[in-house]
Amino acid sequence: MFAYLVSGAVFGLSAGISPGPLLTLVITETLRGGLRAGIRVAFAPLITDIPIVVLTLFIISTLTHFNVFLGSIALLGALFVAYLGYESLSVKEFPVGAGDSGSRSLKKGVVANLLNPHPYLFWFSVGSPLVMKAYASGLLSAAAFVGSFYVLLVGSKVAVAVAVSRSRDLLAGNAYRYTMMALGVVLFVFAAILLREGLILLGWWPCLGVS
């Protein structure tokens, strides 16, 4: 059981601090709406991953064109992340006195994670086989893997939100605007990466004459 606890923690921490749309969204929402807004985004995987796991298992058992599904998800994700990037680039000034942005931050996090092919790829290629192997050793082993994975996945993003929140007051004026613009550019880069992944998965990338 200890081995699965450690492996889940390693995978969770790696996924939690890896650069990506969700981590960038944790930062931007913390800057916009404060710590609670960032934490809401950090908890998005707890909402999205249950249907992702179920859907992935269903697709594995019924569909032969899994890449088409992932490619379509990636293209939708590219559009959504590009929209988030546009929002960040459009910021004019620091929202003085802005507090918790309500459920809008959580909705953004949920949509961003659902339209990101990486959770599907993880559970399809790594997560599900490990859970099944752990379950063969006992229910506690499977629970240890899943539990440690999500504690570190969400916990690391919450830690990022806390760190950003503590430096939020230092970003008033142009510093805030430039920071949001930089994050907007990062989001556009991730949108381009998702677009490329989607085109590759759909088999359209070589047809565009690029390598």
Foldseek 3Di string as FASTA:
>chain_A
DVVLLVVLLVLQQCLQPDDALLLLLLLVLCLQANLVLSLLLLCLCVVQLVVLLVVLVVCVVPPPLVLLVLLVLLLVLLVLLLVLLVVLLPDDFRPPPHHHPPCPSNVSSNSNVSSHSVSNVCSNPPVVVVLVVLVVVHPVSSCSSNVSNSCSNSVSSSVVSVVSNVCSVVCGDVSSSVVSNVSSVVSNVNSVVSNCSSCVSVVNVVVVVDD
